[in-house]
């Protein structure tokens, strides 16, 4: 019970904490466009798109974050943009 409660408490909040950090989700823009265009084999299993979770300081970086991250479905680094 203690382990589950710790995991829920760690990842449950999406709002900025006291120190201004927020958990964000980043999604591959290139693969998302390929899935929307209907390119066969573009999505992963069940149409999944590469996503990475990280934290950012909202006070220092108010704009949506864009980073090049590894996409395991395409097998290369692509641009990942912060999503809501």
Protein backbone atom coordinates (compact mmCIF):
# COMPACT_ATOMS: atom_id res chain seq x y z
CA UNK A 1 0.00 0.00 0.00
CA UNK A 2 2.80 2.43 0.86
CA UNK A 3 4.52 1.86 -2.48
CA UNK A 4 1.37 2.51 -4.51
CA UNK A 5 0.59 5.66 -2.53
CA UNK A 6 4.11 6.97 -3.16
CA UNK A 7 3.88 6.42 -6.90
CA UNK A 8 0.47 8.06 -7.14
CA UNK A 9 1.59 11.06 -5.11
CA UNK A 10 4.72 11.49 -7.23
CA UNK A 11 3.02 11.50 -10.64
CA UNK A 12 -0.54 12.55 -9.85
CA UNK A 13 -0.08 16.32 -9.91
CA UNK A 14 -0.07 18.21 -13.20
CA UNK A 15 -0.14 21.68 -11.65
CA UNK A 16 3.06 23.59 -10.85
CA UNK A 17 4.50 22.76 -7.47
CA UNK A 18 5.86 25.29 -4.99
CA UNK A 19 9.16 25.41 -6.83
CA UNK A 20 7.45 26.01 -10.19
CA UNK A 21 8.11 22.60 -11.76
CA UNK A 22 5.43 20.83 -13.77
CA UNK A 23 5.20 17.33 -15.28
CA UNK A 24 4.75 17.61 -19.04
CA UNK A 25 4.16 15.16 -21.88
CA UNK A 26 6.06 15.54 -25.14
CA UNK A 27 4.77 13.95 -28.36
CA UNK A 28 6.55 13.36 -31.68
CA UNK A 29 5.26 15.92 -34.20
CA UNK A 30 6.57 14.10 -37.27
CA UNK A 31 4.96 10.75 -36.41
CA UNK A 32 1.69 12.44 -35.35
CA UNK A 33 1.47 14.08 -38.81
CA UNK A 34 2.22 10.74 -40.51
CA UNK A 35 -0.60 9.06 -38.54
CA UNK A 36 -3.03 11.89 -39.44
CA UNK A 37 -2.09 11.61 -43.14
CA UNK A 38 -2.79 7.87 -43.03
CA UNK A 39 0.72 6.64 -43.84
CA UNK A 40 0.64 2.84 -43.37
CA UNK A 41 2.89 1.58 -40.59
CA UNK A 42 3.50 5.09 -39.21
CA UNK A 43 2.04 4.39 -35.77
CA UNK A 44 3.33 1.88 -33.29
CA UNK A 45 1.18 -0.88 -31.82
CA UNK A 46 -2.46 0.21 -31.73
CA UNK A 47 -1.58 3.49 -33.47
CA UNK A 48 0.69 4.69 -30.67
CA UNK A 49 2.80 7.81 -31.10
CA UNK A 50 6.16 8.28 -29.36
CA UNK A 51 5.73 10.17 -26.06
CA UNK A 52 8.24 11.23 -23.41
CA UNK A 53 7.41 12.52 -19.93
CA UNK A 54 9.62 15.05 -18.18
CA UNK A 55 9.43 18.08 -15.90
CA UNK A 56 10.05 21.71 -16.66
CA UNK A 57 10.28 24.92 -14.67
CA UNK A 58 7.22 26.94 -15.71
CA UNK A 59 8.67 30.20 -14.41
CA UNK A 60 11.82 29.95 -16.53
CA UNK A 61 10.21 28.34 -19.60
CA UNK A 62 6.60 29.49 -20.04
CA UNK A 63 6.53 28.66 -23.78
CA UNK A 64 5.78 25.10 -24.95
CA UNK A 65 8.93 22.98 -24.87
CA UNK A 66 10.41 21.46 -28.05
CA UNK A 67 13.24 18.94 -27.90
CA UNK A 68 14.76 16.35 -30.22
CA UNK A 69 14.12 12.96 -28.58
CA UNK A 70 14.55 9.38 -29.80
CA UNK A 71 11.48 7.87 -31.47
CA UNK A 72 11.57 4.08 -31.03
CA UNK A 73 8.91 3.52 -33.72
CA UNK A 74 10.80 5.45 -36.44
CA UNK A 75 14.25 4.46 -35.14
CA UNK A 76 15.74 7.98 -35.11
CA UNK A 77 15.69 11.31 -33.29
CA UNK A 78 12.72 13.54 -34.12
CA UNK A 79 11.21 16.78 -32.82
CA UNK A 80 8.96 16.27 -29.79
CA UNK A 81 6.64 19.09 -28.73
CA UNK A 82 4.89 19.62 -25.42
CA UNK A 83 1.18 18.71 -25.48
CA UNK A 84 -1.58 19.46 -23.01
